[in-house]
């Protein structure tokens, strides 16, 4: 395949120039900086060094621009793995809102009973965090002893003198 030379129209230049500074997503800003530097005549190796990405990344950006234009460059199709617990999201949330778990170990057991899926404590902790549930430390609050009139009476010494 022939080497693709990046040449932007006047409208594309204006859009790239604006979005390389002000786009809300940092990865899109980085892509626009790469495209702008290639438009300005830098080689791909120089553009990679200037923007702090690898040469293969610059090649992917150019391929995305070649295939889909600016919209292809703006697209972000990164998807992480989806937990098996996601199918039971509502049931788990309802159960834990009705009766919160006291420990993560208890939460693991309850999730296994609800779903039949056994997960470790770290995975359960992360999943519950994605549900918006968070661990709260609950303990007894120390309460000072009640002061009575008799204990504050001057006739009763607080300290005794040694004999």
C-alpha atoms as a PDB file:
ATOM      1  CA  UNK A   1       0.000   0.000   0.000  1.00  0.00           C
ATOM      2  CA  UNK A   2       1.274   3.471  -0.823  1.00  0.00           C
ATOM      3  CA  UNK A   3       2.374   5.868   1.879  1.00  0.00           C
ATOM      4  CA  UNK A   4      -0.538   8.054   2.942  1.00  0.00           C
ATOM      5  CA  UNK A   5       0.332  11.737   3.091  1.00  0.00           C
ATOM      6  CA  UNK A   6      -1.780  13.770   5.502  1.00  0.00           C
ATOM      7  CA  UNK A   7      -3.296  16.783   3.765  1.00  0.00           C
ATOM      8  CA  UNK A   8      -6.072  18.665   5.507  1.00  0.00           C
ATOM      9  CA  UNK A   9      -8.581  20.999   3.932  1.00  0.00           C
ATOM     10  CA  UNK A  10      -9.001  24.508   5.347  1.00  0.00           C
ATOM     11  CA  UNK A  11     -12.047  23.444   7.379  1.00  0.00           C
ATOM     12  CA  UNK A  12     -10.239  20.366   8.703  1.00  0.00           C
ATOM     13  CA  UNK A  13      -7.217  22.501   9.615  1.00  0.00           C
ATOM     14  CA  UNK A  14      -9.425  24.865  11.594  1.00  0.00           C
ATOM     15  CA  UNK A  15     -11.152  21.981  13.403  1.00  0.00           C
ATOM     16  CA  UNK A  16      -7.876  20.180  14.193  1.00  0.00           C
ATOM     17  CA  UNK A  17      -6.286  23.419  15.387  1.00  0.00           C
ATOM     18  CA  UNK A  18      -9.196  24.055  17.774  1.00  0.00           C
ATOM     19  CA  UNK A  19      -9.539  20.493  19.040  1.00  0.00           C
ATOM     20  CA  UNK A  20      -5.843  19.927  19.717  1.00  0.00           C
ATOM     21  CA  UNK A  21      -6.142  22.507  22.488  1.00  0.00           C
ATOM     22  CA  UNK A  22      -9.733  22.378  23.678  1.00  0.00           C
ATOM     23  CA  UNK A  23     -11.256  18.930  23.120  1.00  0.00           C
ATOM     24  CA  UNK A  24     -12.564  17.508  26.429  1.00  0.00           C
ATOM     25  CA  UNK A  25     -10.918  14.098  25.898  1.00  0.00           C
ATOM     26  CA  UNK A  26      -7.113  13.997  26.292  1.00  0.00           C
ATOM     27  CA  UNK A  27      -6.639  11.092  23.866  1.00  0.00           C
ATOM     28  CA  UNK A  28      -8.470  13.019  21.111  1.00  0.00           C
ATOM     29  CA  UNK A  29      -6.307  16.092  21.805  1.00  0.00           C
ATOM     30  CA  UNK A  30      -3.206  13.907  21.440  1.00  0.00           C
ATOM     31  CA  UNK A  31      -4.509  12.520  18.137  1.00  0.00           C
ATOM     32  CA  UNK A  32      -5.163  16.031  16.863  1.00  0.00           C
ATOM     33  CA  UNK A  33      -1.630  17.098  17.846  1.00  0.00           C
ATOM     34  CA  UNK A  34      -0.219  14.181  15.837  1.00  0.00           C
ATOM     35  CA  UNK A  35      -2.368  15.079  12.838  1.00  0.00           C
ATOM     36  CA  UNK A  36      -1.435  18.762  13.119  1.00  0.00           C
ATOM     37  CA  UNK A  37       2.284  18.017  13.291  1.00  0.00           C
ATOM     38  CA  UNK A  38       2.026  15.752  10.221  1.00  0.00           C
ATOM     39  CA  UNK A  39       0.107  18.492   8.398  1.00  0.00           C
ATOM     40  CA  UNK A  40       2.904  20.947   9.270  1.00  0.00           C
ATOM     41  CA  UNK A  41       5.452  18.755   7.517  1.00  0.00           C
ATOM     42  CA  UNK A  42       7.008  16.701  10.292  1.00  0.00           C
ATOM     43  CA  UNK A  43       7.937  13.098   9.606  1.00  0.00           C
ATOM     44  CA  UNK A  44       6.024  10.405  11.463  1.00  0.00           C
ATOM     45  CA  UNK A  45       9.004   9.607  13.700  1.00  0.00           C
ATOM     46  CA  UNK A  46       9.299  13.292  14.630  1.00  0.00           C
ATOM     47  CA  UNK A  47       5.569  13.569  15.301  1.00  0.00           C
ATOM     48  CA  UNK A  48       5.763  10.497  17.557  1.00  0.00           C
ATOM     49  CA  UNK A  49       8.666  11.958  19.506  1.00  0.00           C
ATOM     50  CA  UNK A  50       7.006  15.382  19.761  1.00  0.00           C
ATOM     51  CA  UNK A  51       3.709  14.041  21.095  1.00  0.00           C
ATOM     52  CA  UNK A  52       5.194  11.294  23.268  1.00  0.00           C
ATOM     53  CA  UNK A  53       3.620   8.313  21.531  1.00  0.00           C
ATOM     54  CA  UNK A  54       5.158   5.454  19.601  1.00  0.00           C
ATOM     55  CA  UNK A  55       5.548   5.239  15.853  1.00  0.00           C
ATOM     56  CA  UNK A  56       3.005   2.411  15.678  1.00  0.00           C
ATOM     57  CA  UNK A  57       0.495   4.653  17.469  1.00  0.00           C
ATOM     58  CA  UNK A  58       1.074   7.414  14.911  1.00  0.00           C
ATOM     59  CA  UNK A  59       0.494   4.858  12.160  1.00  0.00           C
ATOM     60  CA  UNK A  60      -2.805   3.812  13.786  1.00  0.00           C
ATOM     61  CA  UNK A  61      -3.892   7.453  14.017  1.00  0.00           C
ATOM     62  CA  UNK A  62      -3.071   8.043  10.343  1.00  0.00           C
ATOM     63  CA  UNK A  63      -4.926   4.863   9.351  1.00  0.00           C
ATOM     64  CA  UNK A  64      -7.960   5.963  11.374  1.00  0.00           C
ATOM     65  CA  UNK A  65      -7.887   9.360   9.645  1.00  0.00           C
ATOM     66  CA  UNK A  66      -7.438   7.756   6.213  1.00  0.00           C
ATOM     67  CA  UNK A  67     -10.363   5.374   6.742  1.00  0.00           C
ATOM     68  CA  UNK A  68     -12.816   7.619   8.592  1.00  0.00           C
ATOM     69  CA  UNK A  69     -11.621  11.218   8.421  1.00  0.00           C
ATOM     70  CA  UNK A  70     -11.810  13.333  11.567  1.00  0.00           C
ATOM     71  CA  UNK A  71     -14.754  11.310  12.867  1.00  0.00           C
ATOM     72  CA  UNK A  72     -12.681   8.147  12.535  1.00  0.00           C
ATOM     73  CA  UNK A  73      -9.905   9.819  14.467  1.00  0.00           C
ATOM     74  CA  UNK A  74     -12.260  10.963  17.238  1.00  0.00           C
ATOM     75  CA  UNK A  75     -13.714   7.475  17.698  1.00  0.00           C
ATOM     76  CA  UNK A  76     -12.600   5.686  20.856  1.00  0.00           C
ATOM     77  CA  UNK A  77     -13.487   1.988  20.705  1.00  0.00           C
ATOM     78  CA  UNK A  78     -11.667   0.714  23.755  1.00  0.00           C
ATOM     79  CA  UNK A  79     -13.736  -1.740  25.743  1.00  0.00           C
ATOM     80  CA  UNK A  80     -12.586  -3.605  28.791  1.00  0.00           C
ATOM     81  CA  UNK A  81     -13.783  -6.988  29.942  1.00  0.00           C
ATOM     82  CA  UNK A  82     -17.325  -7.217  31.316  1.00  0.00           C
ATOM     83  CA  UNK A  83     -17.814  -8.984  34.629  1.00  0.00           C
ATOM     84  CA  UNK A  84     -20.159 -11.978  34.803  1.00  0.00           C
ATOM     85  CA  UNK A  85     -21.657 -10.292  37.867  1.00  0.00           C
ATOM     86  CA  UNK A  86     -22.960  -7.464  35.651  1.00  0.00           C
ATOM     87  CA  UNK A  87     -25.956  -9.614  34.688  1.00  0.00           C
ATOM     88  CA  UNK A  88     -26.969  -9.689  38.379  1.00  0.00           C
ATOM     89  CA  UNK A  89     -26.235  -6.010  39.050  1.00  0.00           C
ATOM     90  CA  UNK A  90     -29.754  -4.995  40.150  1.00  0.00           C
ATOM     91  CA  UNK A  91     -30.346  -8.039  42.338  1.00  0.00           C
ATOM     92  CA  UNK A  92     -27.019  -7.555  44.119  1.00  0.00           C
ATOM     93  CA  UNK A  93     -27.619  -3.836  44.652  1.00  0.00           C
ATOM     94  CA  UNK A  94     -31.114  -4.449  46.058  1.00  0.00           C
ATOM     95  CA  UNK A  95     -29.850  -7.152  48.385  1.00  0.00           C
ATOM     96  CA  UNK A  96     -27.013  -5.014  49.763  1.00  0.00           C
ATOM     97  CA  UNK A  97     -29.187  -1.922  50.132  1.00  0.00           C
ATOM     98  CA  UNK A  98     -31.747  -3.891  52.153  1.00  0.00           C
ATOM     99  CA  UNK A  99     -29.151  -5.583  54.347  1.00  0.00           C
ATOM    100  CA  UNK A 100     -25.560  -4.308  54.076  1.00  0.00           C
ATOM    101  CA  UNK A 101     -22.726  -6.783  54.538  1.00  0.00           C
ATOM    102  CA  UNK A 102     -20.481  -6.345  57.552  1.00  0.00           C
ATOM    103  CA  UNK A 103     -17.352  -7.683  55.881  1.00  0.00           C
ATOM    104  CA  UNK A 104     -16.106  -8.364  52.387  1.00  0.00           C
ATOM    105  CA  UNK A 105     -16.000 -12.069  53.220  1.00  0.00           C
ATOM    106  CA  UNK A 106     -19.701 -11.928  54.035  1.00  0.00           C
ATOM    107  CA  UNK A 107     -20.330 -10.049  50.789  1.00  0.00           C
ATOM    108  CA  UNK A 108     -18.504 -12.785  48.840  1.00  0.00           C
ATOM    109  CA  UNK A 109     -20.667 -15.484  50.422  1.00  0.00           C
ATOM    110  CA  UNK A 110     -23.894 -13.575  49.791  1.00  0.00           C
ATOM    111  CA  UNK A 111     -22.989 -12.889  46.153  1.00  0.00           C
ATOM    112  CA  UNK A 112     -22.207 -16.577  45.674  1.00  0.00           C
ATOM    113  CA  UNK A 113     -25.609 -17.470  47.171  1.00  0.00           C
ATOM    114  CA  UNK A 114     -27.412 -14.918  44.978  1.00  0.00           C
ATOM    115  CA  UNK A 115     -25.675 -15.638  41.686  1.00  0.00           C
ATOM    116  CA  UNK A 116     -23.891 -18.963  41.985  1.00  0.00           C
ATOM    117  CA  UNK A 117     -20.648 -17.203  40.967  1.00  0.00           C
ATOM    118  CA  UNK A 118     -17.720 -17.484  43.371  1.00  0.00           C
ATOM    119  CA  UNK A 119     -15.465 -14.429  43.328  1.00  0.00           C
ATOM    120  CA  UNK A 120     -12.508 -13.333  45.427  1.00  0.00           C
ATOM    121  CA  UNK A 121     -12.583 -10.477  47.888  1.00  0.00           C
ATOM    122  CA  UNK A 122     -10.740  -8.058  45.616  1.00  0.00           C
ATOM    123  CA  UNK A 123     -13.127  -8.679  42.714  1.00  0.00           C
ATOM    124  CA  UNK A 124     -16.173  -8.310  44.972  1.00  0.00           C
ATOM    125  CA  UNK A 125     -14.781  -5.101  46.469  1.00  0.00           C
ATOM    126  CA  UNK A 126     -14.245  -3.606  42.994  1.00  0.00           C
ATOM    127  CA  UNK A 127     -17.659  -4.716  41.766  1.00  0.00           C
ATOM    128  CA  UNK A 128     -19.457  -3.254  44.767  1.00  0.00           C
ATOM    129  CA  UNK A 129     -17.579  -0.010  44.208  1.00  0.00           C
ATOM    130  CA  UNK A 130     -18.880   0.141  40.618  1.00  0.00           C
ATOM    131  CA  UNK A 131     -22.403  -0.222  42.040  1.00  0.00           C
ATOM    132  CA  UNK A 132     -21.827   2.916  44.094  1.00  0.00           C
ATOM    133  CA  UNK A 133     -21.673   0.998  47.362  1.00  0.00           C
ATOM    134  CA  UNK A 134     -18.818   1.811  49.674  1.00  0.00           C
ATOM    135  CA  UNK A 135     -17.408   0.406  52.846  1.00  0.00           C
ATOM    136  CA  UNK A 136     -18.163   2.390  55.952  1.00  0.00           C
ATOM    137  CA  UNK A 137     -16.465   1.817  59.225  1.00  0.00           C
ATOM    138  CA  UNK A 138     -19.013   1.389  61.996  1.00  0.00           C
ATOM    139  CA  UNK A 139     -17.875   1.240  65.579  1.00  0.00           C
ATOM    140  CA  UNK A 140     -18.944   2.270  69.023  1.00  0.00           C
ATOM    141  CA  UNK A 141     -18.346   5.904  69.793  1.00  0.00           C
ATOM    142  CA  UNK A 142     -16.697   6.563  73.147  1.00  0.00           C
ATOM    143  CA  UNK A 143     -18.995   8.467  75.461  1.00  0.00           C
ATOM    144  CA  UNK A 144     -17.543  10.328  78.449  1.00  0.00           C
ATOM    145  CA  UNK A 145     -18.914   9.261  81.829  1.00  0.00           C
ATOM    146  CA  UNK A 146     -21.792  11.256  83.184  1.00  0.00           C
ATOM    147  CA  UNK A 147     -20.799  13.904  85.660  1.00  0.00           C
ATOM    148  CA  UNK A 148     -22.942  13.927  88.767  1.00  0.00           C
ATOM    149  CA  UNK A 149     -23.314  16.651  91.317  1.00  0.00           C
ATOM    150  CA  UNK A 150     -21.730  14.451  93.979  1.00  0.00           C
ATOM    151  CA  UNK A 151     -18.538  13.890  91.932  1.00  0.00           C
ATOM    152  CA  UNK A 152     -18.228  17.645  91.409  1.00  0.00           C
ATOM    153  CA  UNK A 153     -18.818  18.490  95.075  1.00  0.00           C
ATOM    154  CA  UNK A 154     -15.944  20.381  96.771  1.00  0.00           C
ATOM    155  CA  UNK A 155     -16.457  18.410  99.966  1.00  0.00           C
ATOM    156  CA  UNK A 156     -15.232  15.359  98.190  1.00  0.00           C
ATOM    157  CA  UNK A 157     -11.596  15.726  97.205  1.00  0.00           C
ATOM    158  CA  UNK A 158     -10.532  14.639  93.801  1.00  0.00           C
ATOM    159  CA  UNK A 159      -6.987  13.898  94.871  1.00  0.00           C
ATOM    160  CA  UNK A 160      -5.804  12.469  98.116  1.00  0.00           C
ATOM    161  CA  UNK A 161      -2.567  13.356  99.847  1.00  0.00           C
ATOM    162  CA  UNK A 162      -0.195  10.525 100.642  1.00  0.00           C
ATOM    163  CA  UNK A 163       0.135   9.604 104.362  1.00  0.00           C
END
